[in-house]
C-alpha atoms as a PDB file:
ATOM      1  CA  UNK A   1     -33.472  70.962 -17.199  1.00  0.00           C
ATOM      2  CA  UNK A   2     -30.724  72.667 -19.388  1.00  0.00           C
ATOM      3  CA  UNK A   3     -29.756  74.997 -16.245  1.00  0.00           C
ATOM      4  CA  UNK A   4     -30.029  72.529 -13.725  1.00  0.00           C
ATOM      5  CA  UNK A   5     -27.495  69.952 -15.776  1.00  0.00           C
ATOM      6  CA  UNK A   6     -25.038  72.850 -16.577  1.00  0.00           C
ATOM      7  CA  UNK A   7     -24.837  73.932 -12.508  1.00  0.00           C
ATOM      8  CA  UNK A   8     -24.043  70.156 -11.973  1.00  0.00           C
ATOM      9  CA  UNK A   9     -21.373  70.145 -14.377  1.00  0.00           C
ATOM     10  CA  UNK A  10     -19.690  73.400 -13.195  1.00  0.00           C
ATOM     11  CA  UNK A  11     -20.113  72.132  -9.552  1.00  0.00           C
ATOM     12  CA  UNK A  12     -18.408  69.096 -10.446  1.00  0.00           C
ATOM     13  CA  UNK A  13     -15.666  71.115 -12.370  1.00  0.00           C
ATOM     14  CA  UNK A  14     -15.036  73.254  -9.063  1.00  0.00           C
ATOM     15  CA  UNK A  15     -14.834  70.032  -7.020  1.00  0.00           C
ATOM     16  CA  UNK A  16     -12.424  67.923  -9.613  1.00  0.00           C
ATOM     17  CA  UNK A  17     -10.181  71.274  -9.452  1.00  0.00           C
ATOM     18  CA  UNK A  18     -10.091  71.478  -5.923  1.00  0.00           C
ATOM     19  CA  UNK A  19      -9.249  68.077  -5.388  1.00  0.00           C
ATOM     20  CA  UNK A  20      -6.447  68.012  -7.809  1.00  0.00           C
ATOM     21  CA  UNK A  21      -4.991  71.350  -5.724  1.00  0.00           C
ATOM     22  CA  UNK A  22      -5.323  69.395  -2.669  1.00  0.00           C
ATOM     23  CA  UNK A  23      -3.343  66.601  -3.930  1.00  0.00           C
ATOM     24  CA  UNK A  24      -0.890  68.671  -5.315  1.00  0.00           C
ATOM     25  CA  UNK A  25      -0.235  70.513  -2.083  1.00  0.00           C
ATOM     26  CA  UNK A  26      -0.232  66.869  -0.171  1.00  0.00           C
ATOM     27  CA  UNK A  27       2.722  65.768  -2.620  1.00  0.00           C
ATOM     28  CA  UNK A  28       4.621  69.013  -2.069  1.00  0.00           C
ATOM     29  CA  UNK A  29       4.283  68.729   1.644  1.00  0.00           C
ATOM     30  CA  UNK A  30       5.695  65.126   1.274  1.00  0.00           C
ATOM     31  CA  UNK A  31       8.745  66.084  -0.704  1.00  0.00           C
ATOM     32  CA  UNK A  32      11.912  66.495   0.572  1.00  0.00           C
ATOM     33  CA  UNK A  33      13.241  69.804   0.862  1.00  0.00           C
ATOM     34  CA  UNK A  34      16.604  68.904  -0.795  1.00  0.00           C
ATOM     35  CA  UNK A  35      16.176  66.205  -3.346  1.00  0.00           C
ATOM     36  CA  UNK A  36      18.992  63.941  -3.839  1.00  0.00           C
ATOM     37  CA  UNK A  37      21.175  65.032  -6.808  1.00  0.00           C
ATOM     38  CA  UNK A  38      20.629  62.405  -9.882  1.00  0.00           C
ATOM     39  CA  UNK A  39      24.238  61.116 -10.041  1.00  0.00           C
ATOM     40  CA  UNK A  40      23.698  59.784  -6.175  1.00  0.00           C
ATOM     41  CA  UNK A  41      20.477  57.907  -7.318  1.00  0.00           C
ATOM     42  CA  UNK A  42      22.578  56.277 -10.282  1.00  0.00           C
ATOM     43  CA  UNK A  43      24.729  53.085  -9.022  1.00  0.00           C
ATOM     44  CA  UNK A  44      28.533  53.505  -9.658  1.00  0.00           C
ATOM     45  CA  UNK A  45      29.268  51.946 -13.126  1.00  0.00           C
ATOM     46  CA  UNK A  46      31.802  49.201 -12.882  1.00  0.00           C
ATOM     47  CA  UNK A  47      35.189  49.917 -14.290  1.00  0.00           C
ATOM     48  CA  UNK A  48      35.957  49.206 -17.740  1.00  0.00           C
ATOM     49  CA  UNK A  49      39.349  47.516 -16.367  1.00  0.00           C
ATOM     50  CA  UNK A  50      36.844  45.300 -14.414  1.00  0.00           C
ATOM     51  CA  UNK A  51      35.195  43.913 -17.631  1.00  0.00           C
ATOM     52  CA  UNK A  52      36.064  43.968 -20.935  1.00  0.00           C
ATOM     53  CA  UNK A  53      32.658  44.170 -22.138  1.00  0.00           C
ATOM     54  CA  UNK A  54      31.617  47.102 -20.232  1.00  0.00           C
ATOM     55  CA  UNK A  55      31.164  50.195 -22.378  1.00  0.00           C
ATOM     56  CA  UNK A  56      31.060  53.927 -21.448  1.00  0.00           C
ATOM     57  CA  UNK A  57      27.611  54.706 -21.908  1.00  0.00           C
ATOM     58  CA  UNK A  58      28.774  58.370 -22.995  1.00  0.00           C
ATOM     59  CA  UNK A  59      30.913  56.682 -25.688  1.00  0.00           C
ATOM     60  CA  UNK A  60      29.390  55.364 -28.733  1.00  0.00           C
ATOM     61  CA  UNK A  61      30.212  51.201 -28.874  1.00  0.00           C
ATOM     62  CA  UNK A  62      32.119  50.352 -31.882  1.00  0.00           C
ATOM     63  CA  UNK A  63      31.050  47.725 -34.261  1.00  0.00           C
ATOM     64  CA  UNK A  64      32.820  44.534 -33.399  1.00  0.00           C
ATOM     65  CA  UNK A  65      35.888  44.233 -36.184  1.00  0.00           C
ATOM     66  CA  UNK A  66      35.417  40.510 -36.692  1.00  0.00           C
ATOM     67  CA  UNK A  67      31.703  41.449 -37.904  1.00  0.00           C
ATOM     68  CA  UNK A  68      32.493  41.870 -41.381  1.00  0.00           C
ATOM     69  CA  UNK A  69      31.372  44.580 -43.989  1.00  0.00           C
ATOM     70  CA  UNK A  70      28.238  45.573 -45.403  1.00  0.00           C
ATOM     71  CA  UNK A  71      24.678  46.270 -44.259  1.00  0.00           C
ATOM     72  CA  UNK A  72      23.946  43.391 -41.502  1.00  0.00           C
ATOM     73  CA  UNK A  73      22.942  42.950 -38.065  1.00  0.00           C
ATOM     74  CA  UNK A  74      25.751  42.337 -35.453  1.00  0.00           C
ATOM     75  CA  UNK A  75      24.792  40.577 -32.151  1.00  0.00           C
ATOM     76  CA  UNK A  76      27.617  40.167 -29.461  1.00  0.00           C
ATOM     77  CA  UNK A  77      26.684  37.415 -27.371  1.00  0.00           C
ATOM     78  CA  UNK A  78      29.405  38.732 -24.571  1.00  0.00           C
ATOM     79  CA  UNK A  79      28.539  42.182 -24.786  1.00  0.00           C
ATOM     80  CA  UNK A  80      24.953  41.757 -24.850  1.00  0.00           C
ATOM     81  CA  UNK A  81      24.512  44.282 -27.696  1.00  0.00           C
ATOM     82  CA  UNK A  82      23.148  44.600 -31.140  1.00  0.00           C
ATOM     83  CA  UNK A  83      24.410  46.708 -33.840  1.00  0.00           C
ATOM     84  CA  UNK A  84      22.355  47.753 -36.951  1.00  0.00           C
ATOM     85  CA  UNK A  85      24.735  48.698 -39.373  1.00  0.00           C
ATOM     86  CA  UNK A  86      23.490  50.214 -42.638  1.00  0.00           C
ATOM     87  CA  UNK A  87      24.979  50.647 -46.193  1.00  0.00           C
ATOM     88  CA  UNK A  88      26.514  53.474 -45.102  1.00  0.00           C
ATOM     89  CA  UNK A  89      28.165  51.849 -42.270  1.00  0.00           C
ATOM     90  CA  UNK A  90      26.471  54.236 -39.585  1.00  0.00           C
ATOM     91  CA  UNK A  91      25.624  51.739 -36.807  1.00  0.00           C
ATOM     92  CA  UNK A  92      22.577  52.093 -34.294  1.00  0.00           C
ATOM     93  CA  UNK A  93      23.644  50.185 -31.631  1.00  0.00           C
ATOM     94  CA  UNK A  94      21.306  49.021 -28.079  1.00  0.00           C
ATOM     95  CA  UNK A  95      21.602  46.707 -25.239  1.00  0.00           C
ATOM     96  CA  UNK A  96      19.668  43.403 -25.396  1.00  0.00           C
ATOM     97  CA  UNK A  97      19.121  40.647 -22.904  1.00  0.00           C
ATOM     98  CA  UNK A  98      20.290  37.098 -24.568  1.00  0.00           C
ATOM     99  CA  UNK A  99      18.241  34.041 -24.670  1.00  0.00           C
ATOM    100  CA  UNK A 100      19.152  30.868 -23.006  1.00  0.00           C
ATOM    101  CA  UNK A 101      19.927  29.469 -26.172  1.00  0.00           C
ATOM    102  CA  UNK A 102      22.860  30.991 -27.779  1.00  0.00           C
ATOM    103  CA  UNK A 103      23.582  30.739 -31.409  1.00  0.00           C
ATOM    104  CA  UNK A 104      27.200  29.750 -32.422  1.00  0.00           C
ATOM    105  CA  UNK A 105      29.629  32.635 -34.009  1.00  0.00           C
ATOM    106  CA  UNK A 106      28.899  33.006 -37.560  1.00  0.00           C
ATOM    107  CA  UNK A 107      26.795  34.625 -40.674  1.00  0.00           C
ATOM    108  CA  UNK A 108      23.170  33.602 -40.673  1.00  0.00           C
ATOM    109  CA  UNK A 109      20.282  34.935 -42.604  1.00  0.00           C
ATOM    110  CA  UNK A 110      16.565  36.419 -41.090  1.00  0.00           C
ATOM    111  CA  UNK A 111      14.451  33.263 -42.126  1.00  0.00           C
ATOM    112  CA  UNK A 112      11.295  34.196 -40.680  1.00  0.00           C
ATOM    113  CA  UNK A 113       9.482  37.279 -38.876  1.00  0.00           C
ATOM    114  CA  UNK A 114       5.998  37.529 -37.012  1.00  0.00           C
ATOM    115  CA  UNK A 115       4.216  40.871 -36.309  1.00  0.00           C
ATOM    116  CA  UNK A 116       2.993  39.365 -32.843  1.00  0.00           C
ATOM    117  CA  UNK A 117       3.061  36.338 -31.333  1.00  0.00           C
ATOM    118  CA  UNK A 118       3.740  34.377 -27.990  1.00  0.00           C
ATOM    119  CA  UNK A 119       7.083  33.662 -27.130  1.00  0.00           C
ATOM    120  CA  UNK A 120       8.755  30.397 -26.229  1.00  0.00           C
ATOM    121  CA  UNK A 121       8.520  31.646 -22.255  1.00  0.00           C
ATOM    122  CA  UNK A 122       4.555  32.552 -22.743  1.00  0.00           C
ATOM    123  CA  UNK A 123       4.808  36.168 -22.740  1.00  0.00           C
ATOM    124  CA  UNK A 124       3.398  38.100 -25.872  1.00  0.00           C
ATOM    125  CA  UNK A 125       5.978  39.616 -27.858  1.00  0.00           C
ATOM    126  CA  UNK A 126       6.013  41.608 -30.892  1.00  0.00           C
ATOM    127  CA  UNK A 127       8.455  42.304 -34.165  1.00  0.00           C
ATOM    128  CA  UNK A 128      10.157  38.810 -33.893  1.00  0.00           C
ATOM    129  CA  UNK A 129      13.012  38.441 -36.120  1.00  0.00           C
ATOM    130  CA  UNK A 130      14.399  35.074 -36.452  1.00  0.00           C
ATOM    131  CA  UNK A 131      17.764  33.895 -38.000  1.00  0.00           C
ATOM    132  CA  UNK A 132      18.982  30.670 -36.297  1.00  0.00           C
ATOM    133  CA  UNK A 133      18.448  27.433 -34.214  1.00  0.00           C
ATOM    134  CA  UNK A 134      20.744  27.007 -30.906  1.00  0.00           C
ATOM    135  CA  UNK A 135      19.918  23.527 -28.872  1.00  0.00           C
ATOM    136  CA  UNK A 136      16.992  22.913 -30.890  1.00  0.00           C
ATOM    137  CA  UNK A 137      15.345  26.157 -29.981  1.00  0.00           C
ATOM    138  CA  UNK A 138      14.550  28.687 -32.809  1.00  0.00           C
ATOM    139  CA  UNK A 139      16.766  32.060 -31.983  1.00  0.00           C
ATOM    140  CA  UNK A 140      15.516  35.389 -32.698  1.00  0.00           C
ATOM    141  CA  UNK A 141      15.363  39.162 -32.133  1.00  0.00           C
ATOM    142  CA  UNK A 142      11.692  40.254 -30.245  1.00  0.00           C
ATOM    143  CA  UNK A 143      10.453  42.735 -27.881  1.00  0.00           C
ATOM    144  CA  UNK A 144       8.001  42.011 -24.882  1.00  0.00           C
ATOM    145  CA  UNK A 145       4.669  43.677 -25.542  1.00  0.00           C
ATOM    146  CA  UNK A 146       4.651  44.931 -21.963  1.00  0.00           C
ATOM    147  CA  UNK A 147       7.955  46.560 -22.479  1.00  0.00           C
ATOM    148  CA  UNK A 148       9.762  44.875 -19.692  1.00  0.00           C
ATOM    149  CA  UNK A 149      13.271  43.530 -19.990  1.00  0.00           C
ATOM    150  CA  UNK A 150      13.683  40.636 -17.112  1.00  0.00           C
ATOM    151  CA  UNK A 151      16.638  38.443 -16.796  1.00  0.00           C
ATOM    152  CA  UNK A 152      15.249  35.068 -18.687  1.00  0.00           C
ATOM    153  CA  UNK A 153      14.568  31.436 -16.702  1.00  0.00           C
ATOM    154  CA  UNK A 154      17.858  30.055 -16.853  1.00  0.00           C
ATOM    155  CA  UNK A 155      15.933  26.787 -16.423  1.00  0.00           C
ATOM    156  CA  UNK A 156      14.225  26.975 -19.591  1.00  0.00           C
ATOM    157  CA  UNK A 157      15.531  26.863 -22.988  1.00  0.00           C
ATOM    158  CA  UNK A 158      14.495  29.997 -24.836  1.00  0.00           C
ATOM    159  CA  UNK A 159      15.395  31.693 -27.932  1.00  0.00           C
ATOM    160  CA  UNK A 160      14.148  35.023 -27.690  1.00  0.00           C
ATOM    161  CA  UNK A 161      17.109  37.754 -27.654  1.00  0.00           C
ATOM    162  CA  UNK A 162      14.891  40.428 -25.845  1.00  0.00           C
ATOM    163  CA  UNK A 163      15.138  44.508 -26.642  1.00  0.00           C
ATOM    164  CA  UNK A 164      13.271  47.631 -25.680  1.00  0.00           C
ATOM    165  CA  UNK A 165      10.072  48.069 -27.763  1.00  0.00           C
ATOM    166  CA  UNK A 166      11.801  51.273 -29.489  1.00  0.00           C
ATOM    167  CA  UNK A 167      14.985  48.840 -30.703  1.00  0.00           C
ATOM    168  CA  UNK A 168      12.341  46.284 -31.471  1.00  0.00           C
ATOM    169  CA  UNK A 169      10.652  48.760 -33.898  1.00  0.00           C
ATOM    170  CA  UNK A 170      14.313  49.760 -35.240  1.00  0.00           C
ATOM    171  CA  UNK A 171      15.119  46.031 -35.875  1.00  0.00           C
ATOM    172  CA  UNK A 172      11.750  45.064 -37.448  1.00  0.00           C
ATOM    173  CA  UNK A 173      12.219  48.059 -39.992  1.00  0.00           C
ATOM    174  CA  UNK A 174      16.010  46.691 -40.722  1.00  0.00           C
ATOM    175  CA  UNK A 175      16.004  43.037 -40.506  1.00  0.00           C
ATOM    176  CA  UNK A 176      14.112  41.811 -43.600  1.00  0.00           C
ATOM    177  CA  UNK A 177      13.979  38.469 -44.953  1.00  0.00           C
ATOM    178  CA  UNK A 178      17.306  37.144 -46.007  1.00  0.00           C
ATOM    179  CA  UNK A 179      19.116  40.214 -44.236  1.00  0.00           C
ATOM    180  CA  UNK A 180      22.468  39.337 -42.773  1.00  0.00           C
ATOM    181  CA  UNK A 181      22.840  38.671 -39.291  1.00  0.00           C
ATOM    182  CA  UNK A 182      26.632  38.080 -37.649  1.00  0.00           C
ATOM    183  CA  UNK A 183      27.099  36.557 -34.353  1.00  0.00           C
ATOM    184  CA  UNK A 184      30.292  37.170 -32.625  1.00  0.00           C
ATOM    185  CA  UNK A 185      31.586  36.142 -29.146  1.00  0.00           C
END
């Protein structure tokens, strides 16, 4: 019995290797001879002169001057960006998708956190860091569990300022209860 089962395994292995090889050949046969250059696939970036809030992705985005000093989370509604500024002043910055309810400019404190919940839009989210209320809706930072960052449904009042999961991990580690959050226009 041992001989026949090892023969079956060997036969299946040969078939699997042949199938992978054939699929690889098919993929290479349908690939263009000269793939387009990476820069041709990327849309042209808007001119910084066209919008004061468009940043050059090759340059770090400066922390807004009106955001104060010390350790803090800075959220710019207009730039759709967050900075995590540590005691050393070195910021980590990333883009976010704002919610439909926007907190007024000012200084807030993180008042609650949740590891994983369902968002006000019905989507499973994680690393929720809440700090304000706007238009009767609780506002906070979070990441969708599925990793997506679609535009929010403008017909609904939502308070989730969404970010990529890796950025959500950084926010979760940085913004503990009573951490300062500064909202700027």
